[in-house]
Amino acid sequence: MLENYANQDLSWKSVLSLNKYNEPTYSTTPIKGRKETSNKMVRTASGQETIAVSCVFTKSLVLVNDLIDGKLVIMVDNSVDLDGTTLFYEVYLK
């Protein structure tokens, strides 16, 4: 079902490593997804509450601290089917 709506081309930058200044280095991968504007209060991995400005629905396994279209991933939630398989990921951006 997500395939019908995930028709946008997005730029996903996943963290590869940290450089000598403790800054992340990224690898860039194009992915398909659905990006929507969202002003939603979410809880980050560290337990802090913050406002997410965008939400992306994708089948790609995106992790916290990655970048999508230049925005930081602050939370990832997955939607599972009744048999336990992951249907898609709901990614919140700041």
Protein backbone atom coordinates (compact mmCIF):
# COMPACT_ATOMS: atom_id res chain seq x y z
CA MET A 1 0.00 0.00 0.00
CA LEU A 2 2.81 2.44 0.80
CA GLU A 3 4.26 1.94 -2.69
CA ASN A 4 1.34 3.90 -4.18
CA TYR A 5 2.02 6.98 -2.03
CA ALA A 6 5.80 6.84 -1.52
CA ASN A 7 6.55 8.50 -4.83
CA GLN A 8 8.91 11.26 -3.71
CA ASP A 9 12.67 11.13 -4.25
CA LEU A 10 14.48 11.84 -0.98
CA SER A 11 18.16 12.16 -0.11
CA TRP A 12 19.14 9.95 2.84
CA LYS A 13 22.51 10.54 4.48
CA SER A 14 23.42 7.75 6.89
CA VAL A 15 26.17 8.13 9.48
CA LEU A 16 29.32 6.21 8.50
CA SER A 17 31.74 7.22 11.23
CA LEU A 18 33.00 10.11 13.31
CA ASN A 19 36.00 12.17 12.20
CA LYS A 20 38.82 13.36 14.46
CA TYR A 21 36.67 16.32 15.58
CA ASN A 22 33.87 13.95 16.65
CA GLU A 23 31.67 15.09 13.75
CA PRO A 24 29.72 12.50 11.73
CA THR A 25 30.66 11.60 8.17
CA TYR A 26 27.80 10.53 5.91
CA SER A 27 27.11 8.37 2.89
CA THR A 28 24.33 9.58 0.61
CA THR A 29 21.65 7.26 -0.79
CA PRO A 30 18.53 8.16 -2.77
CA ILE A 31 15.35 6.62 -1.34
CA LYS A 32 11.64 6.68 -2.11
CA GLY A 33 9.22 7.91 0.51
CA ARG A 34 6.37 10.22 1.41
CA LYS A 35 7.37 13.46 3.20
CA GLU A 36 4.69 15.44 5.00
CA THR A 37 4.76 18.60 7.08
CA SER A 38 4.11 17.71 10.70
CA ASN A 39 4.20 19.82 13.85
CA LYS A 40 4.07 17.00 16.34
CA MET A 41 5.51 16.65 19.83
CA VAL A 42 7.74 13.55 19.92
CA ARG A 43 10.06 12.01 22.49
CA THR A 44 13.65 11.51 21.31
CA ALA A 45 15.84 8.51 22.09
CA SER A 46 17.30 10.42 25.06
CA GLY A 47 13.81 11.04 26.47
CA GLN A 48 13.64 14.72 25.62
CA GLU A 49 10.39 16.11 24.17
CA THR A 50 10.74 18.19 21.01
CA ILE A 51 8.69 19.32 18.02
CA ALA A 52 9.11 17.40 14.76
CA VAL A 53 8.65 19.58 11.67
CA SER A 54 8.37 16.78 9.10
CA CYS A 55 7.38 13.14 8.94
CA VAL A 56 8.63 10.67 6.31
CA PHE A 57 7.05 7.31 5.50
CA THR A 58 9.53 4.92 3.88
CA LYS A 59 10.47 1.25 3.58
CA SER A 60 14.18 2.06 4.13
CA LEU A 61 15.58 1.44 7.61
CA VAL A 62 16.60 4.95 8.65
CA LEU A 63 18.32 5.48 12.02
CA VAL A 64 18.29 8.30 14.56
CA ASN A 65 20.94 10.99 13.75
CA ASP A 66 20.78 10.30 10.01
CA LEU A 67 19.74 13.12 7.67
CA ILE A 68 16.86 13.16 5.18
CA ASP A 69 16.84 16.12 2.79
CA GLY A 70 19.18 17.92 5.19
CA LYS A 71 16.94 17.50 8.26
CA LEU A 72 18.03 15.53 11.33
CA VAL A 73 16.20 12.29 12.17
CA ILE A 74 15.07 12.52 15.81
CA MET A 75 12.77 9.48 16.08
CA VAL A 76 11.95 6.35 14.06
CA ASP A 77 8.82 4.29 14.58
CA ASN A 78 7.93 1.16 12.63
CA SER A 79 4.52 -0.10 11.57
CA VAL A 80 4.21 -3.88 11.79
CA ASP A 81 1.72 -6.30 10.26
CA LEU A 82 -0.20 -8.90 12.26
CA ASP A 83 2.48 -11.50 11.49
CA GLY A 84 5.23 -9.25 12.88
CA THR A 85 6.83 -8.10 9.63
CA THR A 86 7.64 -4.42 9.26
CA LEU A 87 5.46 -2.68 6.67
CA PHE A 88 7.13 0.74 6.73
CA TYR A 89 8.99 3.20 8.94
CA GLU A 90 7.62 6.50 10.21
CA VAL A 91 10.57 8.89 10.52
CA TYR A 92 10.33 12.22 12.37
CA LEU A 93 12.65 15.09 11.39
CA LYS A 94 13.78 18.29 13.06
